[in-house]
Amino acid sequence: MSKDQKIKIKNEIITKINDVLENNQIQKIDNLTTVNSSDKISYLGNIKVFDENKLEKIISNMNEIFNKYGSFSIRTEDITSCCKPPYKNISFKVNINLTDKKE
């Protein structure tokens, strides 16, 4: 997979996630972390959700998005800080097999 294709997929994922976040009035993400290996490329990110009532819908939408790309994991964590209201942190990882990806 070329560097341009990897960037294109990364930008697609960011755009789709940001559409979900915008629809739920959640702050958009700017970037994803990219991890390259010989057989796959992984994209990692985090989303802060202050309204717990929106969490299920966001995760459901993310499942739909990520299913189209390959294997993935989504994890949530309760965050309590001294300086911010408590929130849920959604961390995710999307793996794209370089050998199976159809162009």
N, C-alpha and C. Protein backbone atom coordinates (compact mmCIF):
# COMPACT_ATOMS: atom_id res chain seq x y z
N MET A 1 0.86 -1.18 0.00
CA MET A 1 0.00 0.00 0.00
C MET A 1 0.90 1.23 0.00
N SER A 2 0.60 2.15 -0.88
CA SER A 2 1.42 3.35 -1.00
C SER A 2 1.17 4.31 0.16
N LYS A 3 2.10 5.22 0.31
CA LYS A 3 1.97 6.25 1.35
C LYS A 3 0.72 7.09 1.12
N ASP A 4 0.44 7.41 -0.14
CA ASP A 4 -0.76 8.19 -0.47
C ASP A 4 -2.05 7.45 -0.09
N GLN A 5 -2.07 6.14 -0.32
CA GLN A 5 -3.25 5.34 0.05
C GLN A 5 -3.45 5.32 1.56
N LYS A 6 -2.34 5.21 2.29
CA LYS A 6 -2.42 5.21 3.76
C LYS A 6 -2.97 6.54 4.27
N ILE A 7 -2.49 7.63 3.69
CA ILE A 7 -2.96 8.96 4.08
C ILE A 7 -4.44 9.12 3.74
N LYS A 8 -4.83 8.61 2.57
CA LYS A 8 -6.23 8.70 2.15
C LYS A 8 -7.14 7.96 3.13
N ILE A 9 -6.76 6.75 3.53
CA ILE A 9 -7.56 5.97 4.48
C ILE A 9 -7.63 6.68 5.82
N LYS A 10 -6.50 7.19 6.28
CA LYS A 10 -6.46 7.93 7.55
C LYS A 10 -7.41 9.12 7.51
N ASN A 11 -7.37 9.88 6.44
CA ASN A 11 -8.25 11.05 6.31
C ASN A 11 -9.72 10.65 6.21
N GLU A 12 -10.01 9.54 5.54
CA GLU A 12 -11.39 9.03 5.48
C GLU A 12 -11.91 8.72 6.87
N ILE A 13 -11.09 8.02 7.65
CA ILE A 13 -11.50 7.63 9.01
C ILE A 13 -11.73 8.88 9.86
N ILE A 14 -10.82 9.84 9.80
CA ILE A 14 -10.97 11.08 10.56
C ILE A 14 -12.26 11.79 10.17
N THR A 15 -12.52 11.90 8.87
CA THR A 15 -13.72 12.59 8.39
C THR A 15 -14.99 11.89 8.88
N LYS A 16 -15.02 10.57 8.79
CA LYS A 16 -16.21 9.82 9.22
C LYS A 16 -16.43 9.94 10.72
N ILE A 17 -15.36 9.86 11.50
CA ILE A 17 -15.47 10.01 12.95
C ILE A 17 -15.95 11.43 13.28
N ASN A 18 -15.39 12.42 12.63
CA ASN A 18 -15.77 13.81 12.90
C ASN A 18 -17.22 14.08 12.53
N ASP A 19 -17.74 13.42 11.50
CA ASP A 19 -19.16 13.54 11.17
C ASP A 19 -20.02 13.05 12.32
N VAL A 20 -19.65 11.91 12.90
CA VAL A 20 -20.37 11.35 14.05
C VAL A 20 -20.28 12.31 15.23
N LEU A 21 -19.08 12.82 15.49
CA LEU A 21 -18.89 13.72 16.63
C LEU A 21 -19.67 15.01 16.45
N GLU A 22 -19.65 15.55 15.24
CA GLU A 22 -20.39 16.79 14.97
C GLU A 22 -21.89 16.58 15.16
N ASN A 23 -22.40 15.44 14.70
CA ASN A 23 -23.83 15.13 14.87
C ASN A 23 -24.23 15.00 16.33
N ASN A 24 -23.26 14.68 17.19
CA ASN A 24 -23.52 14.52 18.62
C ASN A 24 -23.00 15.70 19.44
N GLN A 25 -22.58 16.76 18.77
CA GLN A 25 -22.07 17.96 19.41
C GLN A 25 -20.90 17.66 20.36
N ILE A 26 -19.97 16.87 19.84
CA ILE A 26 -18.75 16.51 20.57
C ILE A 26 -17.58 17.13 19.81
N GLN A 27 -16.55 17.56 20.55
CA GLN A 27 -15.37 18.16 19.93
C GLN A 27 -14.73 17.18 18.94
N LYS A 28 -14.42 17.69 17.75
CA LYS A 28 -13.82 16.87 16.70
C LYS A 28 -12.37 16.52 17.03
N ILE A 29 -11.88 15.48 16.35
CA ILE A 29 -10.47 15.11 16.48
C ILE A 29 -9.70 15.70 15.31
N ASP A 30 -8.43 16.00 15.53
CA ASP A 30 -7.60 16.61 14.50
C ASP A 30 -6.75 15.58 13.76
N ASN A 31 -6.38 14.52 14.47
CA ASN A 31 -5.41 13.59 13.90
C ASN A 31 -5.56 12.21 14.53
N LEU A 32 -4.96 11.22 13.91
CA LEU A 32 -4.85 9.88 14.46
C LEU A 32 -3.37 9.52 14.50
N THR A 33 -3.00 8.69 15.46
CA THR A 33 -1.64 8.18 15.51
C THR A 33 -1.57 7.00 14.56
N THR A 34 -0.51 6.94 13.76
CA THR A 34 -0.33 5.86 12.80
C THR A 34 0.79 4.95 13.27
N VAL A 35 0.53 3.64 13.27
CA VAL A 35 1.54 2.65 13.63
C VAL A 35 1.67 1.70 12.44
N ASN A 36 2.87 1.64 11.86
CA ASN A 36 3.13 0.78 10.70
C ASN A 36 3.86 -0.48 11.14
N SER A 37 3.45 -1.62 10.57
CA SER A 37 4.20 -2.86 10.72
C SER A 37 4.27 -3.51 9.35
N SER A 38 4.94 -4.64 9.25
CA SER A 38 5.14 -5.25 7.93
C SER A 38 3.84 -5.76 7.31
N ASP A 39 2.89 -6.18 8.13
CA ASP A 39 1.66 -6.78 7.58
C ASP A 39 0.40 -5.94 7.78
N LYS A 40 0.50 -4.87 8.57
CA LYS A 40 -0.70 -4.05 8.79
C LYS A 40 -0.32 -2.62 9.16
N ILE A 41 -1.31 -1.78 9.06
CA ILE A 41 -1.18 -0.40 9.52
C ILE A 41 -2.30 -0.18 10.53
N SER A 42 -2.00 0.50 11.62
CA SER A 42 -3.00 0.75 12.66
C SER A 42 -3.15 2.24 12.87
N TYR A 43 -4.39 2.64 13.11
CA TYR A 43 -4.70 4.03 13.43
C TYR A 43 -5.29 4.06 14.82
N LEU A 44 -4.75 4.93 15.69
CA LEU A 44 -5.19 5.02 17.07
C LEU A 44 -5.67 6.43 17.37
N GLY A 45 -6.69 6.53 18.23
CA GLY A 45 -7.19 7.85 18.60
C GLY A 45 -7.94 7.83 19.91
N ASN A 46 -8.25 9.01 20.40
CA ASN A 46 -9.00 9.20 21.65
C ASN A 46 -10.04 10.29 21.46
N ILE A 47 -11.18 10.08 22.11
CA ILE A 47 -12.27 11.06 22.05
C ILE A 47 -12.77 11.29 23.47
N LYS A 48 -12.94 12.55 23.85
CA LYS A 48 -13.51 12.90 25.15
C LYS A 48 -15.01 13.11 25.00
N VAL A 49 -15.79 12.42 25.83
CA VAL A 49 -17.25 12.57 25.79
C VAL A 49 -17.70 12.99 27.18
N PHE A 50 -18.18 14.22 27.28
CA PHE A 50 -18.62 14.75 28.57
C PHE A 50 -20.08 14.39 28.86
N ASP A 51 -20.87 14.11 27.84
CA ASP A 51 -22.28 13.74 28.01
C ASP A 51 -22.41 12.23 27.87
N GLU A 52 -22.52 11.55 29.00
CA GLU A 52 -22.57 10.09 29.02
C GLU A 52 -23.75 9.53 28.21
N ASN A 53 -24.82 10.31 28.07
CA ASN A 53 -25.99 9.86 27.32
C ASN A 53 -25.69 9.66 25.83
N LYS A 54 -24.64 10.26 25.34
CA LYS A 54 -24.29 10.16 23.92
C LYS A 54 -23.30 9.03 23.64
N LEU A 55 -22.78 8.43 24.68
CA LEU A 55 -21.71 7.45 24.55
C LEU A 55 -22.10 6.25 23.70
N GLU A 56 -23.24 5.63 23.99
CA GLU A 56 -23.66 4.43 23.26
C GLU A 56 -23.82 4.69 21.77
N LYS A 57 -24.45 5.80 21.43
CA LYS A 57 -24.67 6.13 20.02
C LYS A 57 -23.35 6.35 19.29
N ILE A 58 -22.43 7.04 19.94
CA ILE A 58 -21.13 7.30 19.32
C ILE A 58 -20.38 5.99 19.09
N ILE A 59 -20.36 5.13 20.09
CA ILE A 59 -19.66 3.85 19.95
C ILE A 59 -20.31 2.98 18.87
N SER A 60 -21.62 2.97 18.82
CA SER A 60 -22.34 2.22 17.79
C SER A 60 -21.96 2.71 16.39
N ASN A 61 -21.93 4.02 16.21
CA ASN A 61 -21.55 4.60 14.92
C ASN A 61 -20.09 4.28 14.58
N MET A 62 -19.23 4.31 15.57
CA MET A 62 -17.82 3.98 15.33
C MET A 62 -17.66 2.52 14.93
N ASN A 63 -18.44 1.63 15.54
CA ASN A 63 -18.41 0.21 15.15
C ASN A 63 -18.74 0.06 13.68
N GLU A 64 -19.78 0.76 13.23
CA GLU A 64 -20.18 0.69 11.82
C GLU A 64 -19.06 1.19 10.90
N ILE A 65 -18.43 2.28 11.28
CA ILE A 65 -17.34 2.83 10.47
C ILE A 65 -16.16 1.86 10.40
N PHE A 66 -15.72 1.39 11.56
CA PHE A 66 -14.51 0.58 11.63
C PHE A 66 -14.69 -0.80 11.00
N ASN A 67 -15.90 -1.35 11.03
CA ASN A 67 -16.16 -2.65 10.41
C ASN A 67 -15.78 -2.66 8.94
N LYS A 68 -15.84 -1.53 8.29
CA LYS A 68 -15.54 -1.44 6.86
C LYS A 68 -14.04 -1.46 6.57
N TYR A 69 -13.22 -1.30 7.59
CA TYR A 69 -11.78 -1.20 7.37
C TYR A 69 -10.99 -2.42 7.81
N GLY A 70 -11.46 -3.16 8.78
CA GLY A 70 -10.71 -4.31 9.26
C GLY A 70 -11.00 -4.55 10.72
N SER A 71 -10.05 -5.19 11.41
CA SER A 71 -10.26 -5.45 12.83
C SER A 71 -10.07 -4.16 13.61
N PHE A 72 -10.71 -4.10 14.78
CA PHE A 72 -10.63 -2.89 15.58
C PHE A 72 -10.94 -3.19 17.03
N SER A 73 -10.59 -2.26 17.89
CA SER A 73 -10.98 -2.33 19.30
C SER A 73 -11.36 -0.93 19.76
N ILE A 74 -12.36 -0.91 20.64
CA ILE A 74 -12.83 0.35 21.23
C ILE A 74 -12.91 0.13 22.73
N ARG A 75 -12.38 1.08 23.48
CA ARG A 75 -12.36 0.97 24.94
C ARG A 75 -12.81 2.29 25.53
N THR A 76 -13.56 2.22 26.62
CA THR A 76 -13.96 3.45 27.31
C THR A 76 -13.38 3.44 28.72
N GLU A 77 -13.12 4.63 29.21
CA GLU A 77 -12.54 4.79 30.54
C GLU A 77 -13.13 6.03 31.19
N ASP A 78 -13.46 5.92 32.48
CA ASP A 78 -13.93 7.08 33.24
C ASP A 78 -12.73 7.92 33.64
N ILE A 79 -12.79 9.21 33.37
CA ILE A 79 -11.71 10.13 33.72
C ILE A 79 -12.25 11.18 34.68
N THR A 80 -11.59 11.31 35.82
CA THR A 80 -11.93 12.35 36.78
C THR A 80 -10.67 13.17 37.02
N SER A 81 -10.79 14.46 36.77
CA SER A 81 -9.66 15.36 36.89
C SER A 81 -9.98 16.43 37.92
N CYS A 82 -8.96 17.01 38.48
CA CYS A 82 -9.17 18.09 39.44
C CYS A 82 -9.66 19.36 38.76
N CYS A 83 -9.34 19.50 37.48
CA CYS A 83 -9.56 20.78 36.80
C CYS A 83 -10.65 20.77 35.73
N LYS A 84 -11.22 19.61 35.43
CA LYS A 84 -12.26 19.50 34.40
C LYS A 84 -13.40 18.66 34.94
N PRO A 85 -14.57 18.80 34.35
CA PRO A 85 -15.66 17.90 34.73
C PRO A 85 -15.31 16.46 34.35
N PRO A 86 -15.86 15.49 35.04
CA PRO A 86 -15.59 14.09 34.68
C PRO A 86 -16.10 13.81 33.26
N TYR A 87 -15.41 12.90 32.59
CA TYR A 87 -15.81 12.54 31.23
C TYR A 87 -15.43 11.10 30.94
N LYS A 88 -15.94 10.60 29.82
CA LYS A 88 -15.58 9.27 29.33
C LYS A 88 -14.57 9.46 28.22
N ASN A 89 -13.51 8.70 28.28
CA ASN A 89 -12.52 8.72 27.21
C ASN A 89 -12.72 7.46 26.37
N ILE A 90 -12.97 7.66 25.08
CA ILE A 90 -13.07 6.54 24.15
C ILE A 90 -11.73 6.44 23.44
N SER A 91 -11.06 5.32 23.61
CA SER A 91 -9.83 5.09 22.85
C SER A 91 -10.10 3.97 21.86
N PHE A 92 -9.52 4.09 20.68
CA PHE A 92 -9.80 3.10 19.64
C PHE A 92 -8.55 2.83 18.82
N LYS A 93 -8.58 1.65 18.19
CA LYS A 93 -7.50 1.21 17.31
C LYS A 93 -8.14 0.49 16.13
N VAL A 94 -7.79 0.90 14.93
CA VAL A 94 -8.28 0.27 13.71
C VAL A 94 -7.08 -0.34 13.00
N ASN A 95 -7.15 -1.65 12.73
CA ASN A 95 -6.07 -2.35 12.03
C ASN A 95 -6.49 -2.63 10.59
N ILE A 96 -5.62 -2.30 9.66
CA ILE A 96 -5.87 -2.59 8.26
C ILE A 96 -4.76 -3.50 7.77
N ASN A 97 -5.15 -4.72 7.37
CA ASN A 97 -4.17 -5.67 6.85
C ASN A 97 -3.71 -5.21 5.48
N LEU A 98 -2.43 -5.09 5.31
CA LEU A 98 -1.90 -4.61 4.04
C LEU A 98 -2.02 -5.67 2.94
N THR A 99 -2.05 -6.92 3.32
CA THR A 99 -2.13 -7.99 2.32
C THR A 99 -3.55 -8.22 1.84
N ASP A 100 -4.57 -7.89 2.66
CA ASP A 100 -5.97 -8.16 2.32
C ASP A 100 -6.69 -6.96 1.76
N LYS A 101 -6.15 -5.77 1.90
CA LYS A 101 -6.86 -4.54 1.51
C LYS A 101 -7.11 -4.52 0.02
N LYS A 102 -8.39 -4.38 -0.35
CA LYS A 102 -8.77 -4.30 -1.75
C LYS A 102 -8.84 -2.84 -2.15
N GLU A 103 -8.22 -2.51 -3.23
CA GLU A 103 -8.20 -1.13 -3.70
C GLU A 103 -9.35 -0.87 -4.63
